[in-house]
Amino acid sequence: NVKDVDCGFKVFKKAILDKIGPLKTASAITETELV
């Protein structure tokens, strides 16, 4: 339940990427996948 999932202003820890691994999508849904 994110108000604006595709807002182009995000800050986060790189540890997140280290745990979840590479994202699989490459489209307008990619930010939804990240969150």
PDB file of all heavy atoms in Angstrom:
ATOM      1  N   ASN A   1       0.858  -1.184   0.000  1.00  0.00           N
ATOM      2  CA  ASN A   1       0.000   0.000   0.000  1.00  0.00           C
ATOM      3  C   ASN A   1       0.894   1.235   0.000  1.00  0.00           C
ATOM      4  O   ASN A   1       1.089   1.893   1.030  1.00  0.00           O
ATOM      5  CB  ASN A   1      -0.926  -0.005   1.207  1.00  0.00           C
ATOM      6  CG  ASN A   1      -1.965   1.101   1.134  1.00  0.00           C
ATOM      7  OD1 ASN A   1      -2.086   1.785   0.121  1.00  0.00           O
ATOM      8  ND2 ASN A   1      -2.709   1.281   2.212  1.00  0.00           N
ATOM      9  N   VAL A   2       1.457   1.528  -1.165  1.00  0.00           N
ATOM     10  CA  VAL A   2       2.380   2.645  -1.328  1.00  0.00           C
ATOM     11  C   VAL A   2       1.678   3.744  -2.117  1.00  0.00           C
ATOM     12  O   VAL A   2       1.136   3.491  -3.190  1.00  0.00           O
ATOM     13  CB  VAL A   2       3.666   2.189  -2.053  1.00  0.00           C
ATOM     14  CG1 VAL A   2       4.582   3.369  -2.313  1.00  0.00           C
ATOM     15  CG2 VAL A   2       4.386   1.143  -1.217  1.00  0.00           C
ATOM     16  N   LYS A   3       1.698   4.967  -1.609  1.00  0.00           N
ATOM     17  CA  LYS A   3       0.954   6.067  -2.216  1.00  0.00           C
ATOM     18  C   LYS A   3       1.388   6.353  -3.652  1.00  0.00           C
ATOM     19  O   LYS A   3       0.554   6.666  -4.505  1.00  0.00           O
ATOM     20  CB  LYS A   3       1.138   7.336  -1.374  1.00  0.00           C
ATOM     21  CG  LYS A   3       0.550   7.249   0.029  1.00  0.00           C
ATOM     22  CD  LYS A   3       0.808   8.544   0.790  1.00  0.00           C
ATOM     23  CE  LYS A   3       0.261   8.457   2.214  1.00  0.00           C
ATOM     24  NZ  LYS A   3       0.516   9.705   2.983  1.00  0.00           N
ATOM     25  N   ASP A   4       2.692   6.276  -3.907  1.00  0.00           N
ATOM     26  CA  ASP A   4       3.221   6.733  -5.205  1.00  0.00           C
ATOM     27  C   ASP A   4       4.441   5.889  -5.560  1.00  0.00           C
ATOM     28  O   ASP A   4       5.572   6.368  -5.544  1.00  0.00           O
ATOM     29  CB  ASP A   4       3.591   8.215  -5.086  1.00  0.00           C
ATOM     30  CG  ASP A   4       3.885   8.868  -6.427  1.00  0.00           C
ATOM     31  OD1 ASP A   4       3.763   8.198  -7.465  1.00  0.00           O
ATOM     32  OD2 ASP A   4       4.236  10.066  -6.420  1.00  0.00           O
ATOM     33  N   VAL A   5       4.191   4.630  -5.909  1.00  0.00           N
ATOM     34  CA  VAL A   5       5.284   3.673  -6.062  1.00  0.00           C
ATOM     35  C   VAL A   5       6.261   4.066  -7.166  1.00  0.00           C
ATOM     36  O   VAL A   5       7.449   3.730  -7.108  1.00  0.00           O
ATOM     37  CB  VAL A   5       4.719   2.250  -6.309  1.00  0.00           C
ATOM     38  CG1 VAL A   5       4.078   2.150  -7.689  1.00  0.00           C
ATOM     39  CG2 VAL A   5       5.790   1.187  -6.114  1.00  0.00           C
ATOM     40  N   ASP A   6       5.788   4.782  -8.183  1.00  0.00           N
ATOM     41  CA  ASP A   6       6.682   5.145  -9.289  1.00  0.00           C
ATOM     42  C   ASP A   6       7.267   6.546  -9.155  1.00  0.00           C
ATOM     43  O   ASP A   6       7.793   7.102 -10.115  1.00  0.00           O
ATOM     44  CB  ASP A   6       5.963   5.001 -10.633  1.00  0.00           C
ATOM     45  CG  ASP A   6       4.773   5.946 -10.777  1.00  0.00           C
ATOM     46  OD1 ASP A   6       4.185   6.319  -9.751  1.00  0.00           O
ATOM     47  OD2 ASP A   6       4.432   6.302 -11.926  1.00  0.00           O
ATOM     48  N   CYS A   7       7.193   7.114  -7.954  1.00  0.00           N
ATOM     49  CA  CYS A   7       7.837   8.406  -7.722  1.00  0.00           C
ATOM     50  C   CYS A   7       9.349   8.258  -7.885  1.00  0.00           C
ATOM     51  O   CYS A   7       9.965   7.382  -7.273  1.00  0.00           O
ATOM     52  CB  CYS A   7       7.514   8.911  -6.314  1.00  0.00           C
ATOM     53  SG  CYS A   7       8.343  10.448  -5.873  1.00  0.00           S
ATOM     54  N   GLY A   8       9.938   9.124  -8.695  1.00  0.00           N
ATOM     55  CA  GLY A   8      11.359   9.010  -8.992  1.00  0.00           C
ATOM     56  C   GLY A   8      12.260   9.661  -7.969  1.00  0.00           C
ATOM     57  O   GLY A   8      13.234  10.341  -8.333  1.00  0.00           O
ATOM     58  N   PHE A   9      11.948   9.488  -6.694  1.00  0.00           N
ATOM     59  CA  PHE A   9      12.833   9.980  -5.631  1.00  0.00           C
ATOM     60  C   PHE A   9      12.790   8.969  -4.501  1.00  0.00           C
ATOM     61  O   PHE A   9      11.838   8.920  -3.729  1.00  0.00           O
ATOM     62  CB  PHE A   9      12.381  11.359  -5.128  1.00  0.00           C
ATOM     63  CG  PHE A   9      13.467  12.141  -4.435  1.00  0.00           C
ATOM     64  CD1 PHE A   9      13.982  13.285  -5.003  1.00  0.00           C
ATOM     65  CD2 PHE A   9      13.980  11.714  -3.217  1.00  0.00           C
ATOM     66  CE1 PHE A   9      14.993  14.009  -4.358  1.00  0.00           C
ATOM     67  CE2 PHE A   9      14.978  12.416  -2.577  1.00  0.00           C
ATOM     68  CZ  PHE A   9      15.497  13.572  -3.154  1.00  0.00           C
ATOM     69  N   LYS A  10      13.828   8.151  -4.420  1.00  0.00           N
ATOM     70  CA  LYS A  10      13.923   7.112  -3.403  1.00  0.00           C
ATOM     71  C   LYS A  10      15.347   7.068  -2.854  1.00  0.00           C
ATOM     72  O   LYS A  10      16.308   7.287  -3.598  1.00  0.00           O
ATOM     73  CB  LYS A  10      13.550   5.738  -3.979  1.00  0.00           C
ATOM     74  CG  LYS A  10      12.099   5.599  -4.418  1.00  0.00           C
ATOM     75  CD  LYS A  10      11.833   4.197  -4.965  1.00  0.00           C
ATOM     76  CE  LYS A  10      10.361   4.008  -5.305  1.00  0.00           C
ATOM     77  NZ  LYS A  10       9.923   4.848  -6.433  1.00  0.00           N
ATOM     78  N   VAL A  11      15.460   6.763  -1.557  1.00  0.00           N
ATOM     79  CA  VAL A  11      16.759   6.587  -0.917  1.00  0.00           C
ATOM     80  C   VAL A  11      16.685   5.304  -0.097  1.00  0.00           C
ATOM     81  O   VAL A  11      15.722   5.099   0.637  1.00  0.00           O
ATOM     82  CB  VAL A  11      17.118   7.776  -0.011  1.00  0.00           C
ATOM     83  CG1 VAL A  11      18.509   7.581   0.593  1.00  0.00           C
ATOM     84  CG2 VAL A  11      17.057   9.087  -0.776  1.00  0.00           C
ATOM     85  N   PHE A  12      17.686   4.451  -0.232  1.00  0.00           N
ATOM     86  CA  PHE A  12      17.643   3.189   0.499  1.00  0.00           C
ATOM     87  C   PHE A  12      19.030   2.595   0.674  1.00  0.00           C
ATOM     88  O   PHE A  12      20.011   3.045   0.059  1.00  0.00           O
ATOM     89  CB  PHE A  12      16.725   2.185  -0.205  1.00  0.00           C
ATOM     90  CG  PHE A  12      17.037   1.961  -1.663  1.00  0.00           C
ATOM     91  CD1 PHE A  12      17.850   0.930  -2.067  1.00  0.00           C
ATOM     92  CD2 PHE A  12      16.490   2.798  -2.630  1.00  0.00           C
ATOM     93  CE1 PHE A  12      18.130   0.727  -3.406  1.00  0.00           C
ATOM     94  CE2 PHE A  12      16.764   2.601  -3.974  1.00  0.00           C
ATOM     95  CZ  PHE A  12      17.585   1.557  -4.362  1.00  0.00           C
ATOM     96  N   LYS A  13      19.089   1.585   1.524  1.00  0.00           N
ATOM     97  CA  LYS A  13      20.354   0.921   1.814  1.00  0.00           C
ATOM     98  C   LYS A  13      20.683  -0.101   0.727  1.00  0.00           C
ATOM     99  O   LYS A  13      19.816  -0.856   0.289  1.00  0.00           O
ATOM    100  CB  LYS A  13      20.273   0.222   3.171  1.00  0.00           C
ATOM    101  CG  LYS A  13      20.032   1.163   4.332  1.00  0.00           C
ATOM    102  CD  LYS A  13      19.827   0.411   5.636  1.00  0.00           C
ATOM    103  CE  LYS A  13      19.559   1.369   6.802  1.00  0.00           C
ATOM    104  NZ  LYS A  13      19.284   0.638   8.070  1.00  0.00           N
ATOM    105  N   LYS A  14      21.943  -0.137   0.318  1.00  0.00           N
ATOM    106  CA  LYS A  14      22.361  -1.102  -0.696  1.00  0.00           C
ATOM    107  C   LYS A  14      22.196  -2.538  -0.202  1.00  0.00           C
ATOM    108  O   LYS A  14      22.076  -3.471  -0.998  1.00  0.00           O
ATOM    109  CB  LYS A  14      23.817  -0.860  -1.095  1.00  0.00           C
ATOM    110  CG  LYS A  14      24.258  -1.687  -2.304  1.00  0.00           C
ATOM    111  CD  LYS A  14      25.668  -1.321  -2.726  1.00  0.00           C
ATOM    112  CE  LYS A  14      26.066  -2.084  -3.985  1.00  0.00           C
ATOM    113  NZ  LYS A  14      26.096  -3.538  -3.785  1.00  0.00           N
ATOM    114  N   ALA A  15      22.142  -2.722   1.118  1.00  0.00           N
ATOM    115  CA  ALA A  15      21.931  -4.048   1.698  1.00  0.00           C
ATOM    116  C   ALA A  15      20.643  -4.682   1.189  1.00  0.00           C
ATOM    117  O   ALA A  15      20.524  -5.913   1.125  1.00  0.00           O
ATOM    118  CB  ALA A  15      21.903  -3.961   3.215  1.00  0.00           C
ATOM    119  N   ILE A  16      19.681  -3.856   0.802  1.00  0.00           N
ATOM    120  CA  ILE A  16      18.434  -4.368   0.240  1.00  0.00           C
ATOM    121  C   ILE A  16      18.714  -5.115  -1.051  1.00  0.00           C
ATOM    122  O   ILE A  16      18.257  -6.246  -1.252  1.00  0.00           O
ATOM    123  CB  ILE A  16      17.432  -3.222   0.001  1.00  0.00           C
ATOM    124  CG1 ILE A  16      16.961  -2.654   1.335  1.00  0.00           C
ATOM    125  CG2 ILE A  16      16.249  -3.707  -0.833  1.00  0.00           C
ATOM    126  CD1 ILE A  16      16.063  -1.444   1.197  1.00  0.00           C
ATOM    127  N   LEU A  17      19.478  -4.492  -1.947  1.00  0.00           N
ATOM    128  CA  LEU A  17      19.795  -5.132  -3.227  1.00  0.00           C
ATOM    129  C   LEU A  17      20.630  -6.383  -3.023  1.00  0.00           C
ATOM    130  O   LEU A  17      20.463  -7.374  -3.735  1.00  0.00           O
ATOM    131  CB  LEU A  17      20.538  -4.151  -4.141  1.00  0.00           C
ATOM    132  CG  LEU A  17      19.805  -2.865  -4.517  1.00  0.00           C
ATOM    133  CD1 LEU A  17      20.669  -2.039  -5.458  1.00  0.00           C
ATOM    134  CD2 LEU A  17      18.461  -3.170  -5.153  1.00  0.00           C
ATOM    135  N   ASP A  18      21.536  -6.323  -2.043  1.00  0.00           N
ATOM    136  CA  ASP A  18      22.380  -7.486  -1.776  1.00  0.00           C
ATOM    137  C   ASP A  18      21.544  -8.688  -1.343  1.00  0.00           C
ATOM    138  O   ASP A  18      21.901  -9.835  -1.627  1.00  0.00           O
ATOM    139  CB  ASP A  18      23.403  -7.153  -0.691  1.00  0.00           C
ATOM    140  CG  ASP A  18      24.384  -6.064  -1.121  1.00  0.00           C
ATOM    141  OD1 ASP A  18      24.578  -5.917  -2.347  1.00  0.00           O
ATOM    142  OD2 ASP A  18      24.945  -5.385  -0.253  1.00  0.00           O
ATOM    143  N   LYS A  19      20.409  -8.422  -0.685  1.00  0.00           N
ATOM    144  CA  LYS A  19      19.570  -9.509  -0.208  1.00  0.00           C
ATOM    145  C   LYS A  19      18.561  -9.976  -1.248  1.00  0.00           C
ATOM    146  O   LYS A  19      18.360 -11.186  -1.429  1.00  0.00           O
ATOM    147  CB  LYS A  19      18.832  -9.099   1.065  1.00  0.00           C
ATOM    148  CG  LYS A  19      18.016 -10.237   1.678  1.00  0.00           C
ATOM    149  CD  LYS A  19      17.509  -9.903   3.068  1.00  0.00           C
ATOM    150  CE  LYS A  19      16.757 -11.086   3.673  1.00  0.00           C
ATOM    151  NZ  LYS A  19      16.296 -10.808   5.065  1.00  0.00           N
ATOM    152  N   ILE A  20      17.911  -9.043  -1.945  1.00  0.00           N
ATOM    153  CA  ILE A  20      16.846  -9.446  -2.863  1.00  0.00           C
ATOM    154  C   ILE A  20      17.377  -9.861  -4.228  1.00  0.00           C
ATOM    155  O   ILE A  20      16.671 -10.496  -5.015  1.00  0.00           O
ATOM    156  CB  ILE A  20      15.799  -8.327  -3.034  1.00  0.00           C
ATOM    157  CG1 ILE A  20      16.387  -7.120  -3.794  1.00  0.00           C
ATOM    158  CG2 ILE A  20      15.236  -7.904  -1.693  1.00  0.00           C
ATOM    159  CD1 ILE A  20      15.358  -6.028  -4.077  1.00  0.00           C
ATOM    160  N   GLY A  21      18.633  -9.524  -4.528  1.00  0.00           N
ATOM    161  CA  GLY A  21      19.218  -9.919  -5.804  1.00  0.00           C
ATOM    162  C   GLY A  21      18.764  -9.029  -6.952  1.00  0.00           C
ATOM    163  O   GLY A  21      17.988  -8.091  -6.761  1.00  0.00           O
ATOM    164  N   PRO A  22      19.216  -9.327  -8.163  1.00  0.00           N
ATOM    165  CA  PRO A  22      18.881  -8.500  -9.331  1.00  0.00           C
ATOM    166  C   PRO A  22      17.375  -8.492  -9.598  1.00  0.00           C
ATOM    167  O   PRO A  22      16.705  -9.513  -9.458  1.00  0.00           O
ATOM    168  CB  PRO A  22      19.640  -9.186 -10.481  1.00  0.00           C
ATOM    169  CG  PRO A  22      20.695 -10.007  -9.821  1.00  0.00           C
ATOM    170  CD  PRO A  22      20.121 -10.436  -8.512  1.00  0.00           C
ATOM    171  N   LEU A  23      16.860  -7.339  -9.979  1.00  0.00           N
ATOM    172  CA  LEU A  23      15.456  -7.245 -10.359  1.00  0.00           C
ATOM    173  C   LEU A  23      15.239  -7.955 -11.689  1.00  0.00           C
ATOM    174  O   LEU A  23      16.123  -7.981 -12.545  1.00  0.00           O
ATOM    175  CB  LEU A  23      15.038  -5.780 -10.464  1.00  0.00           C
ATOM    176  CG  LEU A  23      15.198  -4.951  -9.183  1.00  0.00           C
ATOM    177  CD1 LEU A  23      14.823  -3.494  -9.450  1.00  0.00           C
ATOM    178  CD2 LEU A  23      14.358  -5.520  -8.054  1.00  0.00           C
ATOM    179  N   LYS A  24      14.052  -8.514 -11.862  1.00  0.00           N
ATOM    180  CA  LYS A  24      13.775  -9.306 -13.056  1.00  0.00           C
ATOM    181  C   LYS A  24      13.032  -8.535 -14.135  1.00  0.00           C
ATOM    182  O   LYS A  24      13.063  -8.925 -15.308  1.00  0.00           O
ATOM    183  CB  LYS A  24      12.978 -10.554 -12.664  1.00  0.00           C
ATOM    184  CG  LYS A  24      13.739 -11.486 -11.725  1.00  0.00           C
ATOM    185  CD  LYS A  24      12.908 -12.696 -11.342  1.00  0.00           C
ATOM    186  CE  LYS A  24      13.688 -13.611 -10.396  1.00  0.00           C
ATOM    187  NZ  LYS A  24      12.897 -14.809  -9.988  1.00  0.00           N
ATOM    188  N   THR A  25      12.330  -7.473 -13.755  1.00  0.00           N
ATOM    189  CA  THR A  25      11.561  -6.708 -14.735  1.00  0.00           C
ATOM    190  C   THR A  25      12.378  -5.544 -15.272  1.00  0.00           C
ATOM    191  O   THR A  25      13.384  -5.146 -14.687  1.00  0.00           O
ATOM    192  CB  THR A  25      10.260  -6.183 -14.115  1.00  0.00           C
ATOM    193  OG1 THR A  25      10.585  -5.306 -13.018  1.00  0.00           O
ATOM    194  CG2 THR A  25       9.397  -7.328 -13.599  1.00  0.00           C
ATOM    195  N   ALA A  26      11.902  -4.983 -16.386  1.00  0.00           N
ATOM    196  CA  ALA A  26      12.583  -3.828 -16.990  1.00  0.00           C
ATOM    197  C   ALA A  26      11.538  -2.970 -17.692  1.00  0.00           C
ATOM    198  O   ALA A  26      11.582  -2.764 -18.899  1.00  0.00           O
ATOM    199  CB  ALA A  26      13.661  -4.279 -17.965  1.00  0.00           C
ATOM    200  N   SER A  27      10.575  -2.481 -16.913  1.00  0.00           N
ATOM    201  CA  SER A  27       9.473  -1.709 -17.482  1.00  0.00           C
ATOM    202  C   SER A  27       8.928  -0.770 -16.417  1.00  0.00           C
ATOM    203  O   SER A  27       9.558  -0.555 -15.380  1.00  0.00           O
ATOM    204  CB  SER A  27       8.363  -2.656 -17.963  1.00  0.00           C
ATOM    205  OG  SER A  27       7.770  -3.312 -16.852  1.00  0.00           O
ATOM    206  N   ALA A  28       7.726  -0.242 -16.642  1.00  0.00           N
ATOM    207  CA  ALA A  28       7.106   0.651 -15.672  1.00  0.00           C
ATOM    208  C   ALA A  28       6.751  -0.064 -14.372  1.00  0.00           C
ATOM    209  O   ALA A  28       6.436   0.592 -13.373  1.00  0.00           O
ATOM    210  CB  ALA A  28       5.847   1.281 -16.277  1.00  0.00           C
ATOM    211  N   ILE A  29       6.815  -1.387 -14.359  1.00  0.00           N
ATOM    212  CA  ILE A  29       6.502  -2.164 -13.163  1.00  0.00           C
ATOM    213  C   ILE A  29       7.743  -2.414 -12.309  1.00  0.00           C
ATOM    214  O   ILE A  29       7.663  -2.974 -11.204  1.00  0.00           O
ATOM    215  CB  ILE A  29       5.845  -3.511 -13.554  1.00  0.00           C
ATOM    216  CG1 ILE A  29       4.937  -4.037 -12.415  1.00  0.00           C
ATOM    217  CG2 ILE A  29       6.888  -4.557 -13.917  1.00  0.00           C
ATOM    218  CD1 ILE A  29       3.677  -3.255 -12.244  1.00  0.00           C
ATOM    219  N   THR A  30       8.908  -1.982 -12.773  1.00  0.00           N
ATOM    220  CA  THR A  30      10.166  -2.284 -12.083  1.00  0.00           C
ATOM    221  C   THR A  30      10.213  -1.692 -10.677  1.00  0.00           C
ATOM    222  O   THR A  30      10.702  -2.332  -9.741  1.00  0.00           O
ATOM    223  CB  THR A  30      11.359  -1.785 -12.920  1.00  0.00           C
ATOM    224  OG1 THR A  30      11.368  -2.493 -14.164  1.00  0.00           O
ATOM    225  CG2 THR A  30      12.676  -2.041 -12.203  1.00  0.00           C
ATOM    226  N   GLU A  31       9.716  -0.477 -10.516  1.00  0.00           N
ATOM    227  CA  GLU A  31       9.724   0.121  -9.176  1.00  0.00           C
ATOM    228  C   GLU A  31       8.778  -0.626  -8.240  1.00  0.00           C
ATOM    229  O   GLU A  31       9.041  -0.756  -7.041  1.00  0.00           O
ATOM    230  CB  GLU A  31       9.364   1.598  -9.262  1.00  0.00           C
ATOM    231  CG  GLU A  31      10.446   2.420  -9.944  1.00  0.00           C
ATOM    232  CD  GLU A  31      10.175   3.897  -9.883  1.00  0.00           C
ATOM    233  OE1 GLU A  31       9.336   4.388 -10.645  1.00  0.00           O
ATOM    234  OE2 GLU A  31      10.823   4.576  -9.061  1.00  0.00           O
ATOM    235  N   THR A  32       7.674  -1.136  -8.778  1.00  0.00           N
ATOM    236  CA  THR A  32       6.771  -1.968  -7.984  1.00  0.00           C
ATOM    237  C   THR A  32       7.493  -3.232  -7.530  1.00  0.00           C
ATOM    238  O   THR A  32       7.354  -3.666  -6.378  1.00  0.00           O
ATOM    239  CB  THR A  32       5.526  -2.340  -8.795  1.00  0.00           C
ATOM    240  OG1 THR A  32       4.815  -1.144  -9.144  1.00  0.00           O
ATOM    241  CG2 THR A  32       4.601  -3.252  -8.002  1.00  0.00           C
ATOM    242  N   GLU A  33       8.275  -3.822  -8.432  1.00  0.00           N
ATOM    243  CA  GLU A  33       9.038  -5.014  -8.059  1.00  0.00           C
ATOM    244  C   GLU A  33      10.039  -4.706  -6.953  1.00  0.00           C
ATOM    245  O   GLU A  33      10.168  -5.468  -5.980  1.00  0.00           O
ATOM    246  CB  GLU A  33       9.779  -5.590  -9.266  1.00  0.00           C
ATOM    247  CG  GLU A  33      10.583  -6.822  -8.895  1.00  0.00           C
ATOM    248  CD  GLU A  33      11.489  -7.349  -9.995  1.00  0.00           C
ATOM    249  OE1 GLU A  33      11.554  -6.711 -11.080  1.00  0.00           O
ATOM    250  OE2 GLU A  33      12.143  -8.384  -9.773  1.00  0.00           O
ATOM    251  N   LEU A  34      10.748  -3.585  -7.076  1.00  0.00           N
ATOM    252  CA  LEU A  34      11.737  -3.206  -6.070  1.00  0.00           C
ATOM    253  C   LEU A  34      11.094  -3.069  -4.693  1.00  0.00           C
ATOM    254  O   LEU A  34      11.593  -3.619  -3.699  1.00  0.00           O
ATOM    255  CB  LEU A  34      12.412  -1.892  -6.470  1.00  0.00           C
ATOM    256  CG  LEU A  34      13.347  -1.253  -5.428  1.00  0.00           C
ATOM    257  CD1 LEU A  34      14.516  -2.179  -5.118  1.00  0.00           C
ATOM    258  CD2 LEU A  34      13.843   0.101  -5.916  1.00  0.00           C
ATOM    259  N   VAL A  35       9.972  -2.355  -4.630  1.00  0.00           N
ATOM    260  CA  VAL A  35       9.315  -2.133  -3.347  1.00  0.00           C
ATOM    261  C   VAL A  35       8.719  -3.432  -2.808  1.00  0.00           C
ATOM    262  O   VAL A  35       8.807  -3.721  -1.608  1.00  0.00           O
ATOM    263  CB  VAL A  35       8.231  -1.050  -3.483  1.00  0.00           C
ATOM    264  CG1 VAL A  35       7.463  -0.892  -2.181  1.00  0.00           C
ATOM    265  CG2 VAL A  35       8.855   0.282  -3.891  1.00  0.00           C
TER     266      VAL A  35
END
